[in-house]
Every structure is written in C-alpha cells, then in structure tokens.
Amino acid sequence: MNNSLFSRIVSPTVLLYAFVVISNIGDGIYRVTEGESPPAFTLFRGIGFLWIVGWWMRRDSKLRNISWVYDMGMFLFMLWPFMLPYYLIKSRGARALFGILGFAVAYLAGLIVGVTIGVFLTTGSG
C-alpha cells in the first residue's frame, strides 16, 4: 500500500469522522432498542472521542505551528464543543465553517442511520 494513502487513511481527521459516525450509529441503535447505551459503550465513546480529538489537535497544531495551553486535556474534556470551533476558526478563518458543518453532518447522519436501524430491528422482531 502506498505510504501516502495509508497515512491519509489513518489520519486523525479521517478517524475522527469515522469514530463519530460509527459511535453515533451504535448510540442510535441503543436509544431505540434499549432506551440507553450500556455504561461500557458510553465510557469507550467518551474516552475514544477525546483521545482522537486530542490527537488531531496535537498533530494539526504542530503542522500550523500553533502552541497549546498548559493543560489541553482538561480544556478538551470540559469545553470541547467550544474549543474545537474556536481552534478551527482561529487556524483556518472562514474555511473552518466547512469543517464544522461537515462534523455536524457526520454527527447527525450517524445518529439518523442508527435510529433507522434500531427502528427496523424493533419493528422486525414484533
């Protein structure tokens, strides 16, 4: 496999989008079929998301030569919904809106697909 292609496939950006879509599909299925997701799924989802976001921000900030605050982990844990858009807008300007919109679409699309699958699973077994 071409090293350039491999590095794009396992890039934090691709993994972040894939993780959001896949975990939201699972969350949507659990919401419809069981009412809530198991604690292990919730824990994995939260830790996995923060890990991938931290990896992405570290890699992106090195590429753009942007310094981090002292305790980025705590900032991400507490304020990621505000930190990510702020970081994107600060580092990319108006082009950041495409990334933010893409993330929102991936988030909602995964949830909608999961809910749809969950509905098919519950109505098919009845």
N, C-alpha and C. Protein backbone atom coordinates (compact mmCIF):
# COMPACT_ATOMS: atom_id res chain seq x y z
N MET A 1 0.85 -1.18 0.00
CA MET A 1 0.00 0.00 0.00
C MET A 1 0.89 1.24 0.00
N ASN A 2 0.50 2.23 -0.73
CA ASN A 2 1.22 3.48 -0.80
C ASN A 2 1.24 4.14 0.58
N ASN A 3 2.42 4.55 1.04
CA ASN A 3 2.56 5.14 2.37
C ASN A 3 1.74 6.42 2.50
N SER A 4 1.65 7.20 1.45
CA SER A 4 0.86 8.43 1.49
C SER A 4 -0.63 8.11 1.66
N LEU A 5 -1.12 7.12 0.95
CA LEU A 5 -2.51 6.71 1.07
C LEU A 5 -2.78 6.18 2.47
N PHE A 6 -1.87 5.35 2.99
CA PHE A 6 -2.03 4.80 4.33
C PHE A 6 -2.05 5.90 5.39
N SER A 7 -1.18 6.90 5.25
CA SER A 7 -1.14 7.98 6.24
C SER A 7 -2.41 8.83 6.18
N ARG A 8 -3.04 8.92 5.01
CA ARG A 8 -4.31 9.64 4.92
C ARG A 8 -5.44 8.84 5.54
N ILE A 9 -5.41 7.52 5.35
CA ILE A 9 -6.47 6.67 5.89
C ILE A 9 -6.44 6.67 7.42
N VAL A 10 -5.26 6.61 8.00
CA VAL A 10 -5.16 6.57 9.46
C VAL A 10 -4.92 7.96 10.06
N SER A 11 -5.18 8.99 9.30
CA SER A 11 -5.01 10.33 9.83
C SER A 11 -6.04 10.59 10.91
N PRO A 12 -5.73 11.44 11.87
CA PRO A 12 -6.70 11.74 12.92
C PRO A 12 -8.01 12.31 12.40
N THR A 13 -7.96 13.06 11.30
CA THR A 13 -9.19 13.63 10.75
C THR A 13 -10.14 12.55 10.26
N VAL A 14 -9.61 11.61 9.49
CA VAL A 14 -10.44 10.52 8.97
C VAL A 14 -10.96 9.67 10.13
N LEU A 15 -10.10 9.36 11.08
CA LEU A 15 -10.52 8.55 12.22
C LEU A 15 -11.56 9.28 13.08
N LEU A 16 -11.42 10.58 13.21
CA LEU A 16 -12.40 11.35 13.99
C LEU A 16 -13.78 11.26 13.34
N TYR A 17 -13.85 11.50 12.05
CA TYR A 17 -15.14 11.41 11.35
C TYR A 17 -15.70 9.99 11.41
N ALA A 18 -14.85 8.99 11.18
CA ALA A 18 -15.30 7.59 11.23
C ALA A 18 -15.79 7.23 12.63
N PHE A 19 -15.06 7.67 13.65
CA PHE A 19 -15.45 7.37 15.02
C PHE A 19 -16.79 8.00 15.35
N VAL A 20 -16.98 9.25 14.96
CA VAL A 20 -18.24 9.94 15.24
C VAL A 20 -19.40 9.24 14.54
N VAL A 21 -19.24 8.88 13.29
CA VAL A 21 -20.32 8.22 12.56
C VAL A 21 -20.63 6.86 13.17
N ILE A 22 -19.61 6.04 13.39
CA ILE A 22 -19.82 4.68 13.90
C ILE A 22 -20.38 4.70 15.32
N SER A 23 -19.83 5.55 16.18
CA SER A 23 -20.34 5.58 17.56
C SER A 23 -21.76 6.13 17.62
N ASN A 24 -22.10 7.06 16.74
CA ASN A 24 -23.47 7.57 16.71
C ASN A 24 -24.45 6.56 16.13
N ILE A 25 -23.99 5.73 15.21
CA ILE A 25 -24.85 4.64 14.73
C ILE A 25 -25.16 3.72 15.90
N GLY A 26 -24.13 3.34 16.65
CA GLY A 26 -24.36 2.49 17.83
C GLY A 26 -25.25 3.16 18.85
N ASP A 27 -25.04 4.44 19.10
CA ASP A 27 -25.87 5.17 20.06
C ASP A 27 -27.32 5.22 19.59
N GLY A 28 -27.53 5.46 18.31
CA GLY A 28 -28.90 5.50 17.78
C GLY A 28 -29.60 4.16 17.92
N ILE A 29 -28.87 3.09 17.65
CA ILE A 29 -29.46 1.74 17.80
C ILE A 29 -29.82 1.49 19.26
N TYR A 30 -28.90 1.79 20.15
CA TYR A 30 -29.17 1.58 21.58
C TYR A 30 -30.35 2.42 22.07
N ARG A 31 -30.43 3.66 21.61
CA ARG A 31 -31.52 4.54 22.06
C ARG A 31 -32.89 3.97 21.69
N VAL A 32 -32.99 3.38 20.50
CA VAL A 32 -34.27 2.85 20.04
C VAL A 32 -34.56 1.49 20.66
N THR A 33 -33.58 0.62 20.68
CA THR A 33 -33.83 -0.76 21.12
C THR A 33 -33.82 -0.94 22.63
N GLU A 34 -32.96 -0.21 23.34
CA GLU A 34 -32.82 -0.42 24.78
C GLU A 34 -33.12 0.82 25.61
N GLY A 35 -33.25 1.95 25.01
CA GLY A 35 -33.52 3.18 25.76
C GLY A 35 -32.27 3.94 26.14
N GLU A 36 -31.20 3.24 26.45
CA GLU A 36 -29.92 3.89 26.73
C GLU A 36 -28.80 2.91 26.42
N SER A 37 -27.62 3.46 26.20
CA SER A 37 -26.49 2.60 25.86
C SER A 37 -25.86 2.04 27.13
N PRO A 38 -25.19 0.90 27.03
CA PRO A 38 -24.52 0.31 28.19
C PRO A 38 -23.41 1.24 28.70
N PRO A 39 -23.11 1.19 29.99
CA PRO A 39 -22.06 2.05 30.55
C PRO A 39 -20.70 1.89 29.87
N ALA A 40 -20.34 0.67 29.49
CA ALA A 40 -19.05 0.45 28.83
C ALA A 40 -19.00 1.17 27.48
N PHE A 41 -20.10 1.14 26.74
CA PHE A 41 -20.16 1.83 25.45
C PHE A 41 -20.02 3.33 25.66
N THR A 42 -20.73 3.85 26.64
CA THR A 42 -20.68 5.29 26.93
C THR A 42 -19.26 5.71 27.34
N LEU A 43 -18.62 4.91 28.17
CA LEU A 43 -17.25 5.21 28.60
C LEU A 43 -16.29 5.18 27.42
N PHE A 44 -16.36 4.11 26.61
CA PHE A 44 -15.49 3.98 25.44
C PHE A 44 -15.71 5.14 24.47
N ARG A 45 -16.95 5.49 24.28
CA ARG A 45 -17.29 6.55 23.34
C ARG A 45 -16.71 7.90 23.80
N GLY A 46 -16.85 8.20 25.07
CA GLY A 46 -16.32 9.46 25.59
C GLY A 46 -14.81 9.52 25.56
N ILE A 47 -14.16 8.47 26.05
CA ILE A 47 -12.70 8.45 26.07
C ILE A 47 -12.14 8.40 24.65
N GLY A 48 -12.73 7.59 23.80
CA GLY A 48 -12.26 7.49 22.41
C GLY A 48 -12.37 8.81 21.68
N PHE A 49 -13.49 9.49 21.86
CA PHE A 49 -13.68 10.77 21.19
C PHE A 49 -12.64 11.78 21.64
N LEU A 50 -12.46 11.92 22.96
CA LEU A 50 -11.48 12.89 23.46
C LEU A 50 -10.06 12.54 23.04
N TRP A 51 -9.74 11.25 22.98
CA TRP A 51 -8.41 10.84 22.56
C TRP A 51 -8.17 11.22 21.11
N ILE A 52 -9.13 10.91 20.24
CA ILE A 52 -8.95 11.23 18.82
C ILE A 52 -8.91 12.74 18.59
N VAL A 53 -9.76 13.49 19.30
CA VAL A 53 -9.75 14.95 19.16
C VAL A 53 -8.40 15.51 19.63
N GLY A 54 -7.90 15.00 20.75
CA GLY A 54 -6.59 15.45 21.25
C GLY A 54 -5.48 15.13 20.27
N TRP A 55 -5.52 13.93 19.69
CA TRP A 55 -4.52 13.53 18.70
C TRP A 55 -4.60 14.44 17.48
N TRP A 56 -5.82 14.69 17.02
CA TRP A 56 -6.00 15.56 15.86
C TRP A 56 -5.49 16.97 16.15
N MET A 57 -5.86 17.53 17.32
CA MET A 57 -5.43 18.89 17.64
C MET A 57 -3.92 18.98 17.79
N ARG A 58 -3.30 17.98 18.41
CA ARG A 58 -1.85 18.00 18.58
C ARG A 58 -1.16 17.98 17.21
N ARG A 59 -1.61 17.08 16.34
CA ARG A 59 -1.00 16.96 15.02
C ARG A 59 -1.23 18.22 14.19
N ASP A 60 -2.46 18.73 14.21
CA ASP A 60 -2.79 19.91 13.42
C ASP A 60 -2.05 21.14 13.93
N SER A 61 -1.95 21.28 15.24
CA SER A 61 -1.26 22.46 15.79
C SER A 61 0.24 22.42 15.49
N LYS A 62 0.83 21.22 15.42
CA LYS A 62 2.24 21.12 15.03
C LYS A 62 2.42 21.52 13.57
N LEU A 63 1.51 21.07 12.71
CA LEU A 63 1.60 21.43 11.30
C LEU A 63 1.44 22.94 11.09
N ARG A 64 0.62 23.58 11.90
CA ARG A 64 0.35 25.01 11.75
C ARG A 64 1.17 25.88 12.69
N ASN A 65 2.05 25.25 13.48
CA ASN A 65 2.92 25.95 14.41
C ASN A 65 2.13 26.81 15.41
N ILE A 66 1.11 26.21 16.00
CA ILE A 66 0.28 26.88 17.00
C ILE A 66 0.57 26.22 18.35
N SER A 67 0.86 27.03 19.35
CA SER A 67 1.19 26.48 20.66
C SER A 67 -0.08 26.15 21.44
N TRP A 68 0.06 25.19 22.35
CA TRP A 68 -1.05 24.73 23.18
C TRP A 68 -1.03 25.43 24.54
N VAL A 69 -2.17 25.41 25.19
CA VAL A 69 -2.22 25.86 26.58
C VAL A 69 -1.62 24.76 27.44
N TYR A 70 -1.37 25.04 28.71
CA TYR A 70 -0.68 24.09 29.59
C TYR A 70 -1.42 22.77 29.75
N ASP A 71 -2.71 22.81 30.04
CA ASP A 71 -3.46 21.57 30.30
C ASP A 71 -4.56 21.40 29.26
N MET A 72 -4.16 21.07 28.05
CA MET A 72 -5.12 20.93 26.95
C MET A 72 -6.12 19.80 27.21
N GLY A 73 -5.69 18.74 27.89
CA GLY A 73 -6.60 17.63 28.18
C GLY A 73 -7.81 18.08 28.97
N MET A 74 -7.60 18.89 29.98
CA MET A 74 -8.72 19.38 30.79
C MET A 74 -9.60 20.32 29.98
N PHE A 75 -8.98 21.17 29.19
CA PHE A 75 -9.78 22.05 28.33
C PHE A 75 -10.64 21.25 27.36
N LEU A 76 -10.07 20.21 26.76
CA LEU A 76 -10.84 19.39 25.84
C LEU A 76 -11.97 18.69 26.55
N PHE A 77 -11.68 18.15 27.73
CA PHE A 77 -12.70 17.42 28.47
C PHE A 77 -13.87 18.33 28.84
N MET A 78 -13.57 19.51 29.31
CA MET A 78 -14.61 20.42 29.80
C MET A 78 -15.28 21.24 28.69
N LEU A 79 -14.50 21.65 27.71
CA LEU A 79 -15.00 22.66 26.78
C LEU A 79 -14.85 22.31 25.31
N TRP A 80 -14.78 21.01 24.95
CA TRP A 80 -14.52 20.67 23.56
C TRP A 80 -15.54 21.27 22.59
N PRO A 81 -16.83 21.39 22.95
CA PRO A 81 -17.75 21.98 21.96
C PRO A 81 -17.43 23.43 21.61
N PHE A 82 -16.71 24.11 22.51
CA PHE A 82 -16.32 25.50 22.25
C PHE A 82 -14.88 25.59 21.73
N MET A 83 -14.01 24.70 22.23
CA MET A 83 -12.60 24.74 21.85
C MET A 83 -12.39 24.38 20.38
N LEU A 84 -13.06 23.33 19.91
CA LEU A 84 -12.86 22.92 18.52
C LEU A 84 -13.26 23.98 17.52
N PRO A 85 -14.47 24.53 17.60
CA PRO A 85 -14.81 25.60 16.64
C PRO A 85 -13.88 26.81 16.77
N TYR A 86 -13.53 27.18 18.00
CA TYR A 86 -12.62 28.32 18.19
C TYR A 86 -11.27 28.04 17.52
N TYR A 87 -10.73 26.86 17.77
CA TYR A 87 -9.44 26.49 17.18
C TYR A 87 -9.52 26.48 15.66
N LEU A 88 -10.58 25.89 15.12
CA LEU A 88 -10.72 25.83 13.67
C LEU A 88 -10.82 27.22 13.05
N ILE A 89 -11.63 28.08 13.65
CA ILE A 89 -11.79 29.43 13.11
C ILE A 89 -10.49 30.22 13.24
N LYS A 90 -9.80 30.05 14.37
CA LYS A 90 -8.55 30.76 14.56
C LYS A 90 -7.47 30.30 13.58
N SER A 91 -7.43 29.00 13.30
CA SER A 91 -6.36 28.47 12.45
C SER A 91 -6.70 28.48 10.96
N ARG A 92 -8.00 28.53 10.61
CA ARG A 92 -8.37 28.42 9.21
C ARG A 92 -9.21 29.58 8.68
N GLY A 93 -9.68 30.42 9.55
CA GLY A 93 -10.53 31.52 9.12
C GLY A 93 -11.92 31.03 8.72
N ALA A 94 -12.49 31.64 7.70
CA ALA A 94 -13.85 31.31 7.27
C ALA A 94 -13.96 29.89 6.72
N ARG A 95 -12.84 29.33 6.22
CA ARG A 95 -12.88 27.94 5.72
C ARG A 95 -13.24 26.95 6.82
N ALA A 96 -13.08 27.34 8.06
CA ALA A 96 -13.40 26.45 9.18
C ALA A 96 -14.87 26.08 9.21
N LEU A 97 -15.71 26.93 8.68
CA LEU A 97 -17.14 26.65 8.70
C LEU A 97 -17.48 25.38 7.93
N PHE A 98 -16.70 25.07 6.89
CA PHE A 98 -16.92 23.82 6.15
C PHE A 98 -16.61 22.60 7.03
N GLY A 99 -15.53 22.69 7.78
CA GLY A 99 -15.18 21.60 8.69
C GLY A 99 -16.20 21.42 9.80
N ILE A 100 -16.68 22.53 10.35
CA ILE A 100 -17.69 22.48 11.41
C ILE A 100 -18.99 21.91 10.87
N LEU A 101 -19.38 22.36 9.68
CA LEU A 101 -20.59 21.84 9.06
C LEU A 101 -20.44 20.34 8.74
N GLY A 102 -19.28 19.95 8.24
CA GLY A 102 -19.02 18.54 7.94
C GLY A 102 -19.11 17.67 9.19
N PHE A 103 -18.58 18.17 10.30
CA PHE A 103 -18.65 17.42 11.56
C PHE A 103 -20.10 17.28 12.02
N ALA A 104 -20.86 18.37 11.93
CA ALA A 104 -22.27 18.33 12.33
C ALA A 104 -23.06 17.35 11.46
N VAL A 105 -22.79 17.35 10.17
CA VAL A 105 -23.48 16.42 9.26
C VAL A 105 -23.10 14.98 9.59
N ALA A 106 -21.83 14.71 9.83
CA ALA A 106 -21.40 13.35 10.18
C ALA A 106 -22.05 12.91 11.49
N TYR A 107 -22.12 13.81 12.46
CA TYR A 107 -22.73 13.50 13.76
C TYR A 107 -24.20 13.14 13.59
N LEU A 108 -24.93 14.00 12.90
CA LEU A 108 -26.37 13.76 12.72
C LEU A 108 -26.65 12.58 11.80
N ALA A 109 -25.86 12.42 10.76
CA ALA A 109 -26.08 11.30 9.83
C ALA A 109 -25.88 9.96 10.54
N GLY A 110 -24.84 9.85 11.36
CA GLY A 110 -24.62 8.62 12.11
C GLY A 110 -25.78 8.32 13.05
N LEU A 111 -26.26 9.33 13.73
CA LEU A 111 -27.38 9.15 14.66
C LEU A 111 -28.65 8.75 13.91
N ILE A 112 -28.92 9.39 12.78
CA ILE A 112 -30.12 9.07 11.99
C ILE A 112 -30.04 7.63 11.45
N VAL A 113 -28.87 7.24 10.96
CA VAL A 113 -28.71 5.87 10.47
C VAL A 113 -28.91 4.88 11.61
N GLY A 114 -28.35 5.16 12.78
CA GLY A 114 -28.51 4.28 13.93
C GLY A 114 -29.95 4.16 14.39
N VAL A 115 -30.65 5.28 14.45
CA VAL A 115 -32.06 5.25 14.83
C VAL A 115 -32.87 4.47 13.81
N THR A 116 -32.57 4.67 12.53
CA THR A 116 -33.29 3.94 11.47
C THR A 116 -33.06 2.43 11.60
N ILE A 117 -31.82 2.03 11.83
CA ILE A 117 -31.52 0.61 12.03
C ILE A 117 -32.25 0.09 13.26
N GLY A 118 -32.23 0.87 14.34
CA GLY A 118 -32.91 0.47 15.56
C GLY A 118 -34.41 0.29 15.36
N VAL A 119 -35.02 1.17 14.59
CA VAL A 119 -36.45 1.06 14.29
C VAL A 119 -36.72 -0.23 13.50
N PHE A 120 -35.88 -0.51 12.50
CA PHE A 120 -36.05 -1.75 11.74
C PHE A 120 -35.87 -2.98 12.60
N LEU A 121 -34.93 -2.93 13.53
CA LEU A 121 -34.71 -4.07 14.42
C LEU A 121 -35.89 -4.31 15.36
N THR A 122 -36.47 -3.22 15.87
CA THR A 122 -37.59 -3.39 16.82
C THR A 122 -38.89 -3.72 16.11
N THR A 123 -39.14 -3.19 14.94
CA THR A 123 -40.40 -3.50 14.25
C THR A 123 -40.32 -4.85 13.56
N GLY A 124 -39.14 -5.28 13.20
CA GLY A 124 -38.99 -6.57 12.54
C GLY A 124 -39.14 -7.74 13.50
N SER A 125 -38.89 -7.50 14.79
CA SER A 125 -38.95 -8.61 15.76
C SER A 125 -40.33 -8.73 16.40
N GLY A 126 -41.21 -7.78 16.15
CA GLY A 126 -42.51 -7.70 16.81
C GLY A 126 -43.48 -8.63 16.27
